[in-house]
Structure formats: structure tokens, C-alpha cells
Amino acid sequence: MRLVIARCQVDYNGRLTAHLPMATRLVLIKADGSVSIHSDDRAYKPLNWMSPPCWLTEDGDTWTVRNKNGEQLIITVDEVLHDSAHELGAEPGLVKDGVEAHLQELLAEHITTLGEGYTLVRREYPTAIGPVDILCRDAEGATVAVEVKRRGELDGVEQLTRYLELLNRDPLLAPVTGVFAAQQIKPQARTLAEDRGIRCVTLDYDALRGADSDDLRLF
């Protein structure tokens, strides 16, 4: 991983255009090729980013990130304040507690809990920023990303929001809507989710454990 703190401006050219004026920011360049631009006031959420597969070329003060779709993230560097590289090694992955992991498994098995006609695409759908708990399709065939928590809090909504922003960049999946599913959802988290167009579903763990599987059976 390479960490660069620089005074820079950033321009995105693709399906739309976006401009970040000159300011001091963190440029995060990861081993998987992804590049993200961060400020000091948005927690972990980047101002802009390019997901892999993408390629960074440096031509003096102009850094250009391109992906296979022809989109470009152009970083114009005025001054570099810090530039360092670090080897993080293999990532062992997130280990969820038993109840949360089992909730995800049960919901995937009984995916019609989310609505009639829902079908499972896969659990732990991989993305550049981590796996989406469940990716499925609704009765109309539209893509739905599901974040599963034991207790639904604000950070879970933020996490799902980041997944949705990334998944909606993929024309094969877009438009992608979100479901925030948990045994308990805090009022603040529900308000934030609904404000962002994310549906909230309260899960009954015991009911899921006792439900018949959605899988077709011969007997």
C-alpha cells in the first residue's frame, strides 16, 4: 500500500464529470490497483476513487488512473507532503461472531424472507472494498445488495452505502438497491438508511432457524 499526502486537484472523466479543487488530501494506492482520494472530515468514505482493474501512470505532476471502461481519474499534484509504501501482507478476512455469521447463512437460505420472488445470486459477493454479505435479485430481476448485522447501527448503513456506490458503477449490475437487515435496528440507523433509499428489514433469528429452506427438494 502506498500513502501519499499531497496538495492536489482531482478530475474524474467517465459517465459523468466531477472536479475536486486544489486542497491537501490523502491519496491511497492499494496493491490491488485501486486508487482513492480522502479528506480529513469524512471518516473512511473517499471523495472519489477508481476500482480495479485500473492502472496508474505518473507523468511529472500529472497522475492518471484509467480503467478498462475508459474512465479516467486525473490527479494534478501541486506539492507532495508525504509519500511512503508499506507491505501489509495477506489479509485473513473479517471474522463475524457466530450469531451474525449464522444470520447471513440463514437469510441466504431463506432469501424470500426479503420478499416473494427474491432469488440468491451469492453470499460474500466480492468487491474491491470487501465482500457484500448477500447479493440477490428481486421479483423483477433487479439487483439487491444486503448487509446483515446482529445489531443495526450507523456504521452498518455507511458500509452498505459504500457497497452500493461501488456496485452501481458496474453496468451489468446497476441499478442496485440496498437492504439493511438485522435483528435490532437502532432508530438513527433506520432514519439514515431510509433517507438514502435503503430498505430496513428486522430479522427473527429463531423463525429463520425453524423455517423450511427455499431450495427446491425432490422429496
C-alpha atoms as a PDB file:
ATOM      1  CA  MET A   1       0.000   0.000   0.000  1.00  0.00           C
ATOM      2  CA  ARG A   2       1.221   3.495  -0.892  1.00  0.00           C
ATOM      3  CA  LEU A   3       0.178   6.534   1.132  1.00  0.00           C
ATOM      4  CA  VAL A   4       0.592   9.952  -0.442  1.00  0.00           C
ATOM      5  CA  ILE A   5      -0.380  13.199   1.262  1.00  0.00           C
ATOM      6  CA  ALA A   6      -0.367  15.921  -1.351  1.00  0.00           C
ATOM      7  CA  ARG A   7      -1.822  19.253  -2.304  1.00  0.00           C
ATOM      8  CA  CYS A   8      -3.709  18.310  -5.430  1.00  0.00           C
ATOM      9  CA  GLN A   9      -6.786  18.702  -7.577  1.00  0.00           C
ATOM     10  CA  VAL A  10      -8.738  15.730  -8.908  1.00  0.00           C
ATOM     11  CA  ASP A  11     -10.830  15.418 -12.068  1.00  0.00           C
ATOM     12  CA  TYR A  12     -12.974  12.424 -12.963  1.00  0.00           C
ATOM     13  CA  ASN A  13     -13.965  11.834 -16.589  1.00  0.00           C
ATOM     14  CA  GLY A  14     -16.321   8.987 -17.405  1.00  0.00           C
ATOM     15  CA  ARG A  15     -20.081   8.552 -17.432  1.00  0.00           C
ATOM     16  CA  LEU A  16     -20.111  11.988 -15.800  1.00  0.00           C
ATOM     17  CA  THR A  17     -17.522  14.580 -14.796  1.00  0.00           C
ATOM     18  CA  ALA A  18     -16.511  15.636 -11.297  1.00  0.00           C
ATOM     19  CA  HIS A  19     -13.936  18.124 -10.020  1.00  0.00           C
ATOM     20  CA  LEU A  20     -12.192  18.492  -6.672  1.00  0.00           C
ATOM     21  CA  PRO A  21     -10.396  21.847  -6.440  1.00  0.00           C
ATOM     22  CA  MET A  22      -6.844  22.187  -5.154  1.00  0.00           C
ATOM     23  CA  ALA A  23      -6.513  21.115  -1.497  1.00  0.00           C
ATOM     24  CA  THR A  24      -4.426  18.876   0.735  1.00  0.00           C
ATOM     25  CA  ARG A  25      -5.641  15.262   0.589  1.00  0.00           C
ATOM     26  CA  LEU A  26      -4.631  11.659   1.164  1.00  0.00           C
ATOM     27  CA  VAL A  27      -4.168   9.539  -1.967  1.00  0.00           C
ATOM     28  CA  LEU A  28      -4.409   5.838  -1.144  1.00  0.00           C
ATOM     29  CA  ILE A  29      -2.916   3.455  -3.724  1.00  0.00           C
ATOM     30  CA  LYS A  30      -3.531  -0.206  -2.892  1.00  0.00           C
ATOM     31  CA  ALA A  31      -1.818  -3.341  -4.123  1.00  0.00           C
ATOM     32  CA  ASP A  32      -4.994  -4.409  -5.968  1.00  0.00           C
ATOM     33  CA  GLY A  33      -4.615  -1.320  -8.175  1.00  0.00           C
ATOM     34  CA  SER A  34      -7.405   0.741  -6.631  1.00  0.00           C
ATOM     35  CA  VAL A  35      -6.843   4.451  -6.040  1.00  0.00           C
ATOM     36  CA  SER A  36      -8.951   6.513  -3.643  1.00  0.00           C
ATOM     37  CA  ILE A  37      -8.875  10.171  -2.611  1.00  0.00           C
ATOM     38  CA  HIS A  38      -9.610  11.069   1.014  1.00  0.00           C
ATOM     39  CA  SER A  39     -10.141  14.251   3.015  1.00  0.00           C
ATOM     40  CA  ASP A  40      -9.870  14.659   6.781  1.00  0.00           C
ATOM     41  CA  ASP A  41     -13.593  15.020   7.504  1.00  0.00           C
ATOM     42  CA  ARG A  42     -15.443  12.020   6.021  1.00  0.00           C
ATOM     43  CA  ALA A  43     -14.338   9.059   8.154  1.00  0.00           C
ATOM     44  CA  TYR A  44     -13.414   6.207   5.796  1.00  0.00           C
ATOM     45  CA  LYS A  45     -15.523   7.365   2.830  1.00  0.00           C
ATOM     46  CA  PRO A  46     -13.408   8.579  -0.131  1.00  0.00           C
ATOM     47  CA  LEU A  47     -14.129  11.758  -2.080  1.00  0.00           C
ATOM     48  CA  ASN A  48     -13.532   9.857  -5.311  1.00  0.00           C
ATOM     49  CA  TRP A  49     -11.955   6.574  -6.304  1.00  0.00           C
ATOM     50  CA  MET A  50     -11.214   4.148  -9.110  1.00  0.00           C
ATOM     51  CA  SER A  51     -11.829   0.459  -8.524  1.00  0.00           C
ATOM     52  CA  PRO A  52      -9.704  -2.342 -10.008  1.00  0.00           C
ATOM     53  CA  PRO A  53      -8.879  -3.343 -12.601  1.00  0.00           C
ATOM     54  CA  CYS A  54      -7.280   0.043 -13.200  1.00  0.00           C
ATOM     55  CA  TRP A  55      -3.817   1.401 -13.920  1.00  0.00           C
ATOM     56  CA  LEU A  56      -1.908   4.411 -12.585  1.00  0.00           C
ATOM     57  CA  THR A  57       0.634   6.286 -14.691  1.00  0.00           C
ATOM     58  CA  GLU A  58       2.677   9.216 -13.391  1.00  0.00           C
ATOM     59  CA  ASP A  59       3.847  11.897 -15.811  1.00  0.00           C
ATOM     60  CA  GLY A  60       5.514  14.558 -13.706  1.00  0.00           C
ATOM     61  CA  ASP A  61       2.865  16.312 -11.652  1.00  0.00           C
ATOM     62  CA  THR A  62       0.001  14.620 -13.510  1.00  0.00           C
ATOM     63  CA  TRP A  63      -1.136  11.198 -12.295  1.00  0.00           C
ATOM     64  CA  THR A  64      -3.723   9.431 -14.434  1.00  0.00           C
ATOM     65  CA  VAL A  65      -5.743   6.409 -13.344  1.00  0.00           C
ATOM     66  CA  ARG A  66      -7.553   4.553 -16.141  1.00  0.00           C
ATOM     67  CA  ASN A  67      -9.873   1.564 -16.089  1.00  0.00           C
ATOM     68  CA  LYS A  68     -10.970  -0.867 -18.790  1.00  0.00           C
ATOM     69  CA  ASN A  69     -14.114   1.209 -19.494  1.00  0.00           C
ATOM     70  CA  GLY A  70     -12.063   4.256 -20.462  1.00  0.00           C
ATOM     71  CA  GLU A  71     -12.885   6.231 -17.333  1.00  0.00           C
ATOM     72  CA  GLN A  72     -10.115   8.465 -16.012  1.00  0.00           C
ATOM     73  CA  LEU A  73      -9.202   9.890 -12.636  1.00  0.00           C
ATOM     74  CA  ILE A  74      -6.674  12.677 -13.184  1.00  0.00           C
ATOM     75  CA  ILE A  75      -4.722  13.870 -10.127  1.00  0.00           C
ATOM     76  CA  THR A  76      -2.798  17.113 -10.624  1.00  0.00           C
ATOM     77  CA  VAL A  77      -0.181  17.345  -7.854  1.00  0.00           C
ATOM     78  CA  ASP A  78       0.983  20.754  -6.680  1.00  0.00           C
ATOM     79  CA  GLU A  79       3.092  19.556  -3.728  1.00  0.00           C
ATOM     80  CA  VAL A  80       3.837  16.188  -2.125  1.00  0.00           C
ATOM     81  CA  LEU A  81       3.988  16.361   1.662  1.00  0.00           C
ATOM     82  CA  HIS A  82       4.432  12.644   2.346  1.00  0.00           C
ATOM     83  CA  ASP A  83       4.978   9.548   0.192  1.00  0.00           C
ATOM     84  CA  SER A  84       5.501   6.101   1.707  1.00  0.00           C
ATOM     85  CA  ALA A  85       4.908   2.461   0.789  1.00  0.00           C
ATOM     86  CA  HIS A  86       4.047  -0.361   3.185  1.00  0.00           C
ATOM     87  CA  GLU A  87       3.703  -4.128   2.740  1.00  0.00           C
ATOM     88  CA  LEU A  88       0.623  -5.256   4.690  1.00  0.00           C
ATOM     89  CA  GLY A  89       0.796  -8.953   3.862  1.00  0.00           C
ATOM     90  CA  ALA A  90      -2.087 -11.366   3.392  1.00  0.00           C
ATOM     91  CA  GLU A  91      -5.474 -10.308   4.771  1.00  0.00           C
ATOM     92  CA  PRO A  92      -7.059 -13.041   6.951  1.00  0.00           C
ATOM     93  CA  GLY A  93     -10.516 -11.508   6.436  1.00  0.00           C
ATOM     94  CA  LEU A  94     -13.282 -10.371   8.731  1.00  0.00           C
ATOM     95  CA  VAL A  95     -14.429 -12.938  11.266  1.00  0.00           C
ATOM     96  CA  LYS A  96     -18.005 -12.309  12.362  1.00  0.00           C
ATOM     97  CA  ASP A  97     -19.440 -13.569  15.602  1.00  0.00           C
ATOM     98  CA  GLY A  98     -21.376 -16.806  15.409  1.00  0.00           C
ATOM     99  CA  VAL A  99     -24.859 -15.307  15.505  1.00  0.00           C
ATOM    100  CA  GLU A 100     -24.163 -12.721  12.792  1.00  0.00           C
ATOM    101  CA  ALA A 101     -22.483 -15.247  10.509  1.00  0.00           C
ATOM    102  CA  HIS A 102     -25.367 -17.680  11.040  1.00  0.00           C
ATOM    103  CA  LEU A 103     -27.908 -14.924  10.336  1.00  0.00           C
ATOM    104  CA  GLN A 104     -26.262 -14.306   6.983  1.00  0.00           C
ATOM    105  CA  GLU A 105     -26.295 -18.025   6.181  1.00  0.00           C
ATOM    106  CA  LEU A 106     -29.942 -18.429   7.211  1.00  0.00           C
ATOM    107  CA  LEU A 107     -31.108 -15.363   5.291  1.00  0.00           C
ATOM    108  CA  ALA A 108     -29.324 -16.585   2.161  1.00  0.00           C
ATOM    109  CA  GLU A 109     -31.037 -19.954   2.581  1.00  0.00           C
ATOM    110  CA  HIS A 110     -34.430 -18.292   3.120  1.00  0.00           C
ATOM    111  CA  ILE A 111     -33.979 -15.376   0.756  1.00  0.00           C
ATOM    112  CA  THR A 112     -37.733 -14.942   0.201  1.00  0.00           C
ATOM    113  CA  THR A 113     -37.800 -13.500   3.724  1.00  0.00           C
ATOM    114  CA  LEU A 114     -36.973 -10.263   1.881  1.00  0.00           C
ATOM    115  CA  GLY A 115     -39.957 -10.629  -0.432  1.00  0.00           C
ATOM    116  CA  GLU A 116     -41.746 -13.022  -2.774  1.00  0.00           C
ATOM    117  CA  GLY A 117     -39.768 -13.780  -5.912  1.00  0.00           C
ATOM    118  CA  TYR A 118     -36.353 -12.943  -4.444  1.00  0.00           C
ATOM    119  CA  THR A 119     -33.526 -15.200  -5.644  1.00  0.00           C
ATOM    120  CA  LEU A 120     -29.987 -15.570  -4.333  1.00  0.00           C
ATOM    121  CA  VAL A 121     -27.023 -14.621  -6.537  1.00  0.00           C
ATOM    122  CA  ARG A 122     -24.358 -15.444  -3.940  1.00  0.00           C
ATOM    123  CA  ARG A 123     -23.151 -14.858  -0.405  1.00  0.00           C
ATOM    124  CA  GLU A 124     -19.976 -12.838   0.251  1.00  0.00           C
ATOM    125  CA  TYR A 125     -20.084 -11.195  -3.182  1.00  0.00           C
ATOM    126  CA  PRO A 126     -16.535  -9.848  -3.724  1.00  0.00           C
ATOM    127  CA  THR A 127     -15.839  -6.158  -4.343  1.00  0.00           C
ATOM    128  CA  ALA A 128     -12.706  -4.011  -4.223  1.00  0.00           C
ATOM    129  CA  ILE A 129     -13.652  -2.756  -0.758  1.00  0.00           C
ATOM    130  CA  GLY A 130     -14.732  -6.041   0.765  1.00  0.00           C
ATOM    131  CA  PRO A 131     -17.443  -8.658   0.297  1.00  0.00           C
ATOM    132  CA  VAL A 132     -21.135  -7.791   0.227  1.00  0.00           C
ATOM    133  CA  ASP A 133     -22.924 -10.117   2.664  1.00  0.00           C
ATOM    134  CA  ILE A 134     -25.611 -11.169   0.178  1.00  0.00           C
ATOM    135  CA  LEU A 135     -26.255 -10.260  -3.438  1.00  0.00           C
ATOM    136  CA  CYS A 136     -29.687 -11.225  -4.735  1.00  0.00           C
ATOM    137  CA  ARG A 137     -32.375 -10.251  -7.233  1.00  0.00           C
ATOM    138  CA  ASP A 138     -35.923  -9.163  -6.543  1.00  0.00           C
ATOM    139  CA  ALA A 139     -39.062 -10.396  -8.281  1.00  0.00           C
ATOM    140  CA  GLU A 140     -38.421  -8.029 -11.209  1.00  0.00           C
ATOM    141  CA  GLY A 141     -34.837  -9.228 -11.601  1.00  0.00           C
ATOM    142  CA  ALA A 142     -33.243  -6.047 -10.207  1.00  0.00           C
ATOM    143  CA  THR A 143     -30.029  -6.417  -8.197  1.00  0.00           C
ATOM    144  CA  VAL A 144     -30.219  -6.037  -4.411  1.00  0.00           C
ATOM    145  CA  ALA A 145     -27.254  -5.825  -2.017  1.00  0.00           C
ATOM    146  CA  VAL A 146     -27.928  -6.929   1.562  1.00  0.00           C
ATOM    147  CA  GLU A 147     -25.880  -6.053   4.640  1.00  0.00           C
ATOM    148  CA  VAL A 148     -26.602  -8.378   7.584  1.00  0.00           C
ATOM    149  CA  LYS A 149     -25.966  -7.327  11.181  1.00  0.00           C
ATOM    150  CA  ARG A 150     -26.949  -8.617  14.590  1.00  0.00           C
ATOM    151  CA  ARG A 151     -27.411  -5.022  15.764  1.00  0.00           C
ATOM    152  CA  GLY A 152     -28.009  -2.467  13.042  1.00  0.00           C
ATOM    153  CA  GLU A 153     -26.132   0.765  13.713  1.00  0.00           C
ATOM    154  CA  LEU A 154     -24.976   3.785  11.736  1.00  0.00           C
ATOM    155  CA  ASP A 155     -21.666   2.242  10.689  1.00  0.00           C
ATOM    156  CA  GLY A 156     -23.510  -0.652   9.049  1.00  0.00           C
ATOM    157  CA  VAL A 157     -25.587   1.775   6.974  1.00  0.00           C
ATOM    158  CA  GLU A 158     -22.418   3.627   5.937  1.00  0.00           C
ATOM    159  CA  GLN A 159     -20.816   0.329   4.957  1.00  0.00           C
ATOM    160  CA  LEU A 160     -23.771  -0.656   2.775  1.00  0.00           C
ATOM    161  CA  THR A 161     -23.826   2.834   1.228  1.00  0.00           C
ATOM    162  CA  ARG A 162     -20.218   2.384   0.100  1.00  0.00           C
ATOM    163  CA  TYR A 163     -21.017  -1.001  -1.428  1.00  0.00           C
ATOM    164  CA  LEU A 164     -23.997   0.463  -3.293  1.00  0.00           C
ATOM    165  CA  GLU A 165     -21.950   3.348  -4.681  1.00  0.00           C
ATOM    166  CA  LEU A 166     -19.374   0.873  -5.980  1.00  0.00           C
ATOM    167  CA  LEU A 167     -21.816  -1.724  -7.325  1.00  0.00           C
ATOM    168  CA  ASN A 168     -23.821   0.929  -9.169  1.00  0.00           C
ATOM    169  CA  ARG A 169     -20.708   1.708 -11.219  1.00  0.00           C
ATOM    170  CA  ASP A 170     -20.995  -1.763 -12.775  1.00  0.00           C
ATOM    171  CA  PRO A 171     -23.359  -1.578 -15.774  1.00  0.00           C
ATOM    172  CA  LEU A 172     -24.005  -5.322 -15.511  1.00  0.00           C
ATOM    173  CA  LEU A 173     -25.468  -4.893 -12.023  1.00  0.00           C
ATOM    174  CA  ALA A 174     -26.893  -1.359 -11.952  1.00  0.00           C
ATOM    175  CA  PRO A 175     -29.271  -0.205 -10.740  1.00  0.00           C
ATOM    176  CA  VAL A 176     -28.547  -1.794  -7.360  1.00  0.00           C
ATOM    177  CA  THR A 177     -30.746  -1.126  -4.326  1.00  0.00           C
ATOM    178  CA  GLY A 178     -29.926  -1.939  -0.714  1.00  0.00           C
ATOM    179  CA  VAL A 179     -31.451  -3.836   2.196  1.00  0.00           C
ATOM    180  CA  PHE A 180     -30.175  -3.362   5.747  1.00  0.00           C
ATOM    181  CA  ALA A 181     -31.133  -6.495   7.666  1.00  0.00           C
ATOM    182  CA  ALA A 182     -30.596  -7.005  11.401  1.00  0.00           C
ATOM    183  CA  GLN A 183     -32.168  -8.463  14.500  1.00  0.00           C
ATOM    184  CA  GLN A 184     -32.338  -4.984  16.003  1.00  0.00           C
ATOM    185  CA  ILE A 185     -32.039  -1.701  14.100  1.00  0.00           C
ATOM    186  CA  LYS A 186     -31.361   1.485  16.024  1.00  0.00           C
ATOM    187  CA  PRO A 187     -33.714   4.401  15.221  1.00  0.00           C
ATOM    188  CA  GLN A 188     -30.844   6.614  14.000  1.00  0.00           C
ATOM    189  CA  ALA A 189     -29.636   3.862  11.669  1.00  0.00           C
ATOM    190  CA  ARG A 190     -33.151   3.302  10.306  1.00  0.00           C
ATOM    191  CA  THR A 191     -33.599   7.031   9.682  1.00  0.00           C
ATOM    192  CA  LEU A 192     -30.273   7.287   7.839  1.00  0.00           C
ATOM    193  CA  ALA A 193     -30.957   4.153   5.785  1.00  0.00           C
ATOM    194  CA  GLU A 194     -34.419   5.261   4.722  1.00  0.00           C
ATOM    195  CA  ASP A 195     -33.104   8.727   3.871  1.00  0.00           C
ATOM    196  CA  ARG A 196     -30.663   7.032   1.474  1.00  0.00           C
ATOM    197  CA  GLY A 197     -33.318   4.807  -0.089  1.00  0.00           C
ATOM    198  CA  ILE A 198     -32.180   1.688   1.755  1.00  0.00           C
ATOM    199  CA  ARG A 199     -34.912  -0.658   2.984  1.00  0.00           C
ATOM    200  CA  CYS A 200     -34.669  -1.921   6.559  1.00  0.00           C
ATOM    201  CA  VAL A 201     -35.700  -5.475   7.487  1.00  0.00           C
ATOM    202  CA  THR A 202     -35.828  -6.788  11.058  1.00  0.00           C
ATOM    203  CA  LEU A 203     -34.806 -10.451  11.215  1.00  0.00           C
ATOM    204  CA  ASP A 204     -36.272 -13.041  13.580  1.00  0.00           C
ATOM    205  CA  TYR A 205     -33.377 -15.396  14.246  1.00  0.00           C
ATOM    206  CA  ASP A 206     -35.498 -18.138  15.813  1.00  0.00           C
ATOM    207  CA  ALA A 207     -38.035 -18.013  12.988  1.00  0.00           C
ATOM    208  CA  LEU A 208     -35.288 -18.285  10.372  1.00  0.00           C
ATOM    209  CA  ARG A 209     -33.779 -21.255  12.191  1.00  0.00           C
ATOM    210  CA  GLY A 210     -37.104 -23.059  12.145  1.00  0.00           C
ATOM    211  CA  ALA A 211     -38.142 -22.130   8.605  1.00  0.00           C
ATOM    212  CA  ASP A 212     -38.200 -24.545   5.693  1.00  0.00           C
ATOM    213  CA  SER A 213     -35.472 -23.970   3.131  1.00  0.00           C
ATOM    214  CA  ASP A 214     -36.268 -22.042  -0.059  1.00  0.00           C
ATOM    215  CA  ASP A 215     -34.249 -24.650  -2.004  1.00  0.00           C
ATOM    216  CA  LEU A 216     -36.224 -26.962  -4.242  1.00  0.00           C
ATOM    217  CA  ARG A 217     -36.327 -30.548  -2.996  1.00  0.00           C
ATOM    218  CA  LEU A 218     -37.204 -33.822  -4.713  1.00  0.00           C
ATOM    219  CA  PHE A 219     -38.755 -35.231  -1.519  1.00  0.00           C
END
